[in-house]
């Protein structure tokens, strides 16, 4: 069921609406594209894989870290549906506004955008059912696991791997590693 929801989200939310106008002719290329400020919009196959590993469900509360131009936020908003919510966090102020504007244009109503602070994540609204990180950390930020509900899942790039982390209890989690990816650094 989750793959169907992801495919529907991809059909409804077009990547071209989240890249600079000058690059719209390149959106069908399965590669990351620059969105300004040294950041990129991830390649579609990577986003699709990460969303499938995240396995967000309708009605869930999701944190989207490194929301960039808002594409993953918009995709997640479609997957969790009107009873779900997406909290988008971005460090670069201009991208916070760009992501918000792009999602507003798409009619997204279940997503809120936040300027990232010094901490990783957005503990003020935690715990979350799911957390998606779209930039690579040098090491796993433990504070993100603390912001997950028990039974929740975090999908995060760490160096050249994507980690799929399930929180089993307040003190225990399991990790599955998917290797061979490249992301912009999590700042």
C-alpha atoms as a PDB file:
ATOM      1  CA  UNK A   1       0.000   0.000   0.000  1.00  0.00           C
ATOM      2  CA  UNK A   2       2.796   2.434   0.841  1.00  0.00           C
ATOM      3  CA  UNK A   3       4.354   2.229  -2.662  1.00  0.00           C
ATOM      4  CA  UNK A   4       0.956   3.064  -4.176  1.00  0.00           C
ATOM      5  CA  UNK A   5       0.721   6.139  -1.932  1.00  0.00           C
ATOM      6  CA  UNK A   6       4.248   7.170  -2.929  1.00  0.00           C
ATOM      7  CA  UNK A   7       3.502   6.704  -6.644  1.00  0.00           C
ATOM      8  CA  UNK A   8       0.298   8.738  -6.293  1.00  0.00           C
ATOM      9  CA  UNK A   9       2.223  11.502  -4.512  1.00  0.00           C
ATOM     10  CA  UNK A  10       4.836  11.559  -7.313  1.00  0.00           C
ATOM     11  CA  UNK A  11       2.065  11.783  -9.937  1.00  0.00           C
ATOM     12  CA  UNK A  12       0.369  14.679  -8.123  1.00  0.00           C
ATOM     13  CA  UNK A  13       3.432  16.651  -6.929  1.00  0.00           C
ATOM     14  CA  UNK A  14       5.652  17.527  -9.885  1.00  0.00           C
ATOM     15  CA  UNK A  15       9.362  18.096  -9.236  1.00  0.00           C
ATOM     16  CA  UNK A  16       9.454  20.842 -11.884  1.00  0.00           C
ATOM     17  CA  UNK A  17       7.473  23.105  -9.527  1.00  0.00           C
ATOM     18  CA  UNK A  18      10.269  22.885  -6.939  1.00  0.00           C
ATOM     19  CA  UNK A  19      13.344  23.717  -9.050  1.00  0.00           C
ATOM     20  CA  UNK A  20      14.522  27.074 -10.403  1.00  0.00           C
ATOM     21  CA  UNK A  21      12.815  27.976 -13.678  1.00  0.00           C
ATOM     22  CA  UNK A  22      16.102  27.773 -15.603  1.00  0.00           C
ATOM     23  CA  UNK A  23      16.411  24.064 -14.665  1.00  0.00           C
ATOM     24  CA  UNK A  24      12.837  22.938 -15.392  1.00  0.00           C
ATOM     25  CA  UNK A  25      13.900  21.371 -18.686  1.00  0.00           C
ATOM     26  CA  UNK A  26      16.167  19.035 -16.669  1.00  0.00           C
ATOM     27  CA  UNK A  27      13.652  17.712 -14.112  1.00  0.00           C
ATOM     28  CA  UNK A  28      13.214  14.407 -15.932  1.00  0.00           C
ATOM     29  CA  UNK A  29      16.914  13.659 -15.452  1.00  0.00           C
ATOM     30  CA  UNK A  30      17.316  11.274 -12.513  1.00  0.00           C
ATOM     31  CA  UNK A  31      19.943  13.402 -10.785  1.00  0.00           C
ATOM     32  CA  UNK A  32      20.123  16.016  -8.037  1.00  0.00           C
ATOM     33  CA  UNK A  33      19.644  19.591  -9.259  1.00  0.00           C
ATOM     34  CA  UNK A  34      20.857  22.817  -7.610  1.00  0.00           C
ATOM     35  CA  UNK A  35      18.221  24.937  -5.863  1.00  0.00           C
ATOM     36  CA  UNK A  36      20.596  27.687  -4.718  1.00  0.00           C
ATOM     37  CA  UNK A  37      22.582  28.393  -1.550  1.00  0.00           C
ATOM     38  CA  UNK A  38      24.806  25.341  -2.190  1.00  0.00           C
ATOM     39  CA  UNK A  39      21.819  22.990  -1.807  1.00  0.00           C
ATOM     40  CA  UNK A  40      20.179  20.500  -4.154  1.00  0.00           C
ATOM     41  CA  UNK A  41      16.846  18.846  -4.750  1.00  0.00           C
ATOM     42  CA  UNK A  42      17.534  15.096  -4.540  1.00  0.00           C
ATOM     43  CA  UNK A  43      17.255  12.751  -7.469  1.00  0.00           C
ATOM     44  CA  UNK A  44      13.793  11.163  -7.816  1.00  0.00           C
ATOM     45  CA  UNK A  45      14.893   7.534  -7.397  1.00  0.00           C
ATOM     46  CA  UNK A  46      16.674   8.366  -4.131  1.00  0.00           C
ATOM     47  CA  UNK A  47      13.624  10.241  -2.819  1.00  0.00           C
ATOM     48  CA  UNK A  48      11.379   7.337  -3.813  1.00  0.00           C
ATOM     49  CA  UNK A  49      13.643   4.848  -2.003  1.00  0.00           C
ATOM     50  CA  UNK A  50      13.826   7.003   1.116  1.00  0.00           C
ATOM     51  CA  UNK A  51      10.042   7.440   1.186  1.00  0.00           C
ATOM     52  CA  UNK A  52       9.535   3.688   0.776  1.00  0.00           C
ATOM     53  CA  UNK A  53      11.923   3.006   3.688  1.00  0.00           C
ATOM     54  CA  UNK A  54      10.216   5.704   5.761  1.00  0.00           C
ATOM     55  CA  UNK A  55       6.829   4.028   5.175  1.00  0.00           C
ATOM     56  CA  UNK A  56       4.788   7.013   6.389  1.00  0.00           C
ATOM     57  CA  UNK A  57       1.064   6.301   6.739  1.00  0.00           C
ATOM     58  CA  UNK A  58      -2.066   8.445   6.517  1.00  0.00           C
ATOM     59  CA  UNK A  59      -2.669  10.426   9.692  1.00  0.00           C
ATOM     60  CA  UNK A  60       0.947  10.385  10.887  1.00  0.00           C
ATOM     61  CA  UNK A  61       3.038  13.308  12.119  1.00  0.00           C
ATOM     62  CA  UNK A  62       6.254  13.614  10.099  1.00  0.00           C
ATOM     63  CA  UNK A  63       9.335  15.801  10.513  1.00  0.00           C
ATOM     64  CA  UNK A  64      11.064  16.714   7.233  1.00  0.00           C
ATOM     65  CA  UNK A  65      14.608  17.927   8.005  1.00  0.00           C
ATOM     66  CA  UNK A  66      16.443  19.811   5.279  1.00  0.00           C
ATOM     67  CA  UNK A  67      13.215  20.606   3.456  1.00  0.00           C
ATOM     68  CA  UNK A  68      14.983  22.705   0.801  1.00  0.00           C
ATOM     69  CA  UNK A  69      12.580  23.800  -1.936  1.00  0.00           C
ATOM     70  CA  UNK A  70       9.699  21.887  -0.294  1.00  0.00           C
ATOM     71  CA  UNK A  71       9.429  18.933  -2.683  1.00  0.00           C
ATOM     72  CA  UNK A  72       9.787  16.188  -0.051  1.00  0.00           C
ATOM     73  CA  UNK A  73       7.481  18.154   2.261  1.00  0.00           C
ATOM     74  CA  UNK A  74       4.822  18.251  -0.458  1.00  0.00           C
ATOM     75  CA  UNK A  75       5.255  14.533  -1.226  1.00  0.00           C
ATOM     76  CA  UNK A  76       5.005  13.659   2.476  1.00  0.00           C
ATOM     77  CA  UNK A  77       1.917  15.840   2.870  1.00  0.00           C
ATOM     78  CA  UNK A  78       0.194  13.813   0.156  1.00  0.00           C
ATOM     79  CA  UNK A  79       1.203  10.513   1.763  1.00  0.00           C
ATOM     80  CA  UNK A  80       0.029  11.393   5.301  1.00  0.00           C
ATOM     81  CA  UNK A  81      -3.110  13.029   3.936  1.00  0.00           C
ATOM     82  CA  UNK A  82      -5.364  15.676   5.485  1.00  0.00           C
ATOM     83  CA  UNK A  83      -5.396  13.983   8.906  1.00  0.00           C
ATOM     84  CA  UNK A  84      -1.591  13.872   8.985  1.00  0.00           C
ATOM     85  CA  UNK A  85       0.879  16.702   9.397  1.00  0.00           C
ATOM     86  CA  UNK A  86       4.336  17.549   8.143  1.00  0.00           C
ATOM     87  CA  UNK A  87       6.761  19.793  10.006  1.00  0.00           C
ATOM     88  CA  UNK A  88       9.438  21.078   7.620  1.00  0.00           C
ATOM     89  CA  UNK A  89      12.746  22.347   9.024  1.00  0.00           C
ATOM     90  CA  UNK A  90      15.402  24.158   7.021  1.00  0.00           C
ATOM     91  CA  UNK A  91      18.485  26.123   8.120  1.00  0.00           C
ATOM     92  CA  UNK A  92      18.701  28.536   5.156  1.00  0.00           C
ATOM     93  CA  UNK A  93      16.090  31.302   5.609  1.00  0.00           C
ATOM     94  CA  UNK A  94      15.603  31.847   1.870  1.00  0.00           C
ATOM     95  CA  UNK A  95      14.868  28.133   1.403  1.00  0.00           C
ATOM     96  CA  UNK A  96      12.378  28.156   4.305  1.00  0.00           C
ATOM     97  CA  UNK A  97      10.458  30.827   2.366  1.00  0.00           C
ATOM     98  CA  UNK A  98      10.927  29.088  -0.996  1.00  0.00           C
ATOM     99  CA  UNK A  99       9.655  25.768   0.366  1.00  0.00           C
ATOM    100  CA  UNK A 100       6.675  27.442   2.009  1.00  0.00           C
ATOM    101  CA  UNK A 101       5.834  29.398  -1.159  1.00  0.00           C
ATOM    102  CA  UNK A 102       6.162  26.296  -3.361  1.00  0.00           C
ATOM    103  CA  UNK A 103       3.895  24.255  -1.060  1.00  0.00           C
ATOM    104  CA  UNK A 104       1.370  27.113  -0.846  1.00  0.00           C
ATOM    105  CA  UNK A 105       1.240  27.187  -4.660  1.00  0.00           C
ATOM    106  CA  UNK A 106       0.561  23.422  -4.633  1.00  0.00           C
ATOM    107  CA  UNK A 107      -2.324  23.936  -2.195  1.00  0.00           C
ATOM    108  CA  UNK A 108      -0.580  22.034   0.621  1.00  0.00           C
ATOM    109  CA  UNK A 109      -2.425  22.741   3.876  1.00  0.00           C
ATOM    110  CA  UNK A 110      -1.046  20.133   6.294  1.00  0.00           C
ATOM    111  CA  UNK A 111       2.585  21.326   6.332  1.00  0.00           C
ATOM    112  CA  UNK A 112       4.262  23.983   8.472  1.00  0.00           C
ATOM    113  CA  UNK A 113       7.721  25.419   7.815  1.00  0.00           C
ATOM    114  CA  UNK A 114      10.277  26.335  10.467  1.00  0.00           C
ATOM    115  CA  UNK A 115      13.674  27.987  10.521  1.00  0.00           C
ATOM    116  CA  UNK A 116      16.098  25.486  12.061  1.00  0.00           C
ATOM    117  CA  UNK A 117      17.787  26.503  15.280  1.00  0.00           C
ATOM    118  CA  UNK A 118      20.936  25.195  16.908  1.00  0.00           C
ATOM    119  CA  UNK A 119      19.464  21.768  17.686  1.00  0.00           C
ATOM    120  CA  UNK A 120      18.838  19.012  15.164  1.00  0.00           C
ATOM    121  CA  UNK A 121      15.184  18.423  14.479  1.00  0.00           C
ATOM    122  CA  UNK A 122      12.299  20.302  16.067  1.00  0.00           C
ATOM    123  CA  UNK A 123      11.841  19.010  19.597  1.00  0.00           C
ATOM    124  CA  UNK A 124       9.111  21.558  20.399  1.00  0.00           C
ATOM    125  CA  UNK A 125       6.541  19.497  18.437  1.00  0.00           C
ATOM    126  CA  UNK A 126       7.938  16.020  19.124  1.00  0.00           C
ATOM    127  CA  UNK A 127       7.439  13.120  19.286  1.00  0.00           C
ATOM    128  CA  UNK A 128       7.067  12.252  15.591  1.00  0.00           C
ATOM    129  CA  UNK A 129       5.854   9.061  13.927  1.00  0.00           C
ATOM    130  CA  UNK A 130       8.368   9.472  11.113  1.00  0.00           C
ATOM    131  CA  UNK A 131      11.406  11.639  10.393  1.00  0.00           C
ATOM    132  CA  UNK A 132      13.046  12.159   7.005  1.00  0.00           C
ATOM    133  CA  UNK A 133      16.443  13.860   6.667  1.00  0.00           C
ATOM    134  CA  UNK A 134      17.533  15.049   3.213  1.00  0.00           C
ATOM    135  CA  UNK A 135      21.164  15.952   3.925  1.00  0.00           C
ATOM    136  CA  UNK A 136      24.080  13.855   5.117  1.00  0.00           C
ATOM    137  CA  UNK A 137      25.210  13.928   8.741  1.00  0.00           C
ATOM    138  CA  UNK A 138      28.800  13.094   9.708  1.00  0.00           C
ATOM    139  CA  UNK A 139      27.380  10.882  12.476  1.00  0.00           C
ATOM    140  CA  UNK A 140      23.901  10.027  13.657  1.00  0.00           C
ATOM    141  CA  UNK A 141      22.446  12.895  15.740  1.00  0.00           C
ATOM    142  CA  UNK A 142      21.087  11.061  18.817  1.00  0.00           C
ATOM    143  CA  UNK A 143      18.712  13.948  19.569  1.00  0.00           C
ATOM    144  CA  UNK A 144      16.708  12.958  16.490  1.00  0.00           C
ATOM    145  CA  UNK A 145      16.047   9.492  17.918  1.00  0.00           C
ATOM    146  CA  UNK A 146      14.883  11.175  21.141  1.00  0.00           C
ATOM    147  CA  UNK A 147      12.273  13.099  19.090  1.00  0.00           C
ATOM    148  CA  UNK A 148      10.784   9.879  17.663  1.00  0.00           C
ATOM    149  CA  UNK A 149       7.801   8.055  19.122  1.00  0.00           C
ATOM    150  CA  UNK A 150       8.442   4.474  20.242  1.00  0.00           C
ATOM    151  CA  UNK A 151       7.695   2.447  17.109  1.00  0.00           C
ATOM    152  CA  UNK A 152       8.604   5.442  14.958  1.00  0.00           C
ATOM    153  CA  UNK A 153      11.098   5.493  12.119  1.00  0.00           C
ATOM    154  CA  UNK A 154      13.922   7.820  11.080  1.00  0.00           C
ATOM    155  CA  UNK A 155      15.482   7.734   7.606  1.00  0.00           C
ATOM    156  CA  UNK A 156      18.743   9.687   7.508  1.00  0.00           C
ATOM    157  CA  UNK A 157      21.843   9.849   5.314  1.00  0.00           C
ATOM    158  CA  UNK A 158      25.020   9.434   7.366  1.00  0.00           C
ATOM    159  CA  UNK A 159      28.145   9.925   5.257  1.00  0.00           C
ATOM    160  CA  UNK A 160      27.519   7.710   2.169  1.00  0.00           C
ATOM    161  CA  UNK A 161      24.868   5.476   3.734  1.00  0.00           C
ATOM    162  CA  UNK A 162      21.171   5.931   4.326  1.00  0.00           C
ATOM    163  CA  UNK A 163      20.173   4.607   7.746  1.00  0.00           C
ATOM    164  CA  UNK A 164      16.689   3.299   8.416  1.00  0.00           C
ATOM    165  CA  UNK A 165      16.212   3.461  12.187  1.00  0.00           C
ATOM    166  CA  UNK A 166      13.257   2.054  14.117  1.00  0.00           C
ATOM    167  CA  UNK A 167      12.864   3.128  17.733  1.00  0.00           C
ATOM    168  CA  UNK A 168      11.927  -0.023  19.676  1.00  0.00           C
ATOM    169  CA  UNK A 169      11.825   1.586  23.124  1.00  0.00           C
ATOM    170  CA  UNK A 170      13.034   4.758  24.857  1.00  0.00           C
ATOM    171  CA  UNK A 171      16.501   3.177  25.138  1.00  0.00           C
ATOM    172  CA  UNK A 172      16.729   0.854  22.131  1.00  0.00           C
ATOM    173  CA  UNK A 173      16.611   1.151  18.359  1.00  0.00           C
ATOM    174  CA  UNK A 174      17.520  -1.009  15.396  1.00  0.00           C
ATOM    175  CA  UNK A 175      19.333   0.190  12.306  1.00  0.00           C
ATOM    176  CA  UNK A 176      19.301  -1.037   8.726  1.00  0.00           C
ATOM    177  CA  UNK A 177      22.002   0.410   6.442  1.00  0.00           C
ATOM    178  CA  UNK A 178      21.632   1.163   2.739  1.00  0.00           C
ATOM    179  CA  UNK A 179      25.030   2.040   1.187  1.00  0.00           C
ATOM    180  CA  UNK A 180      26.254   3.986  -1.825  1.00  0.00           C
ATOM    181  CA  UNK A 181      24.588   7.420  -1.703  1.00  0.00           C
ATOM    182  CA  UNK A 182      25.865  11.002  -1.892  1.00  0.00           C
ATOM    183  CA  UNK A 183      24.085  13.992  -0.311  1.00  0.00           C
ATOM    184  CA  UNK A 184      24.845  17.608   0.478  1.00  0.00           C
ATOM    185  CA  UNK A 185      26.067  17.923   4.093  1.00  0.00           C
ATOM    186  CA  UNK A 186      23.650  18.481   6.964  1.00  0.00           C
ATOM    187  CA  UNK A 187      24.606  21.899   8.340  1.00  0.00           C
END
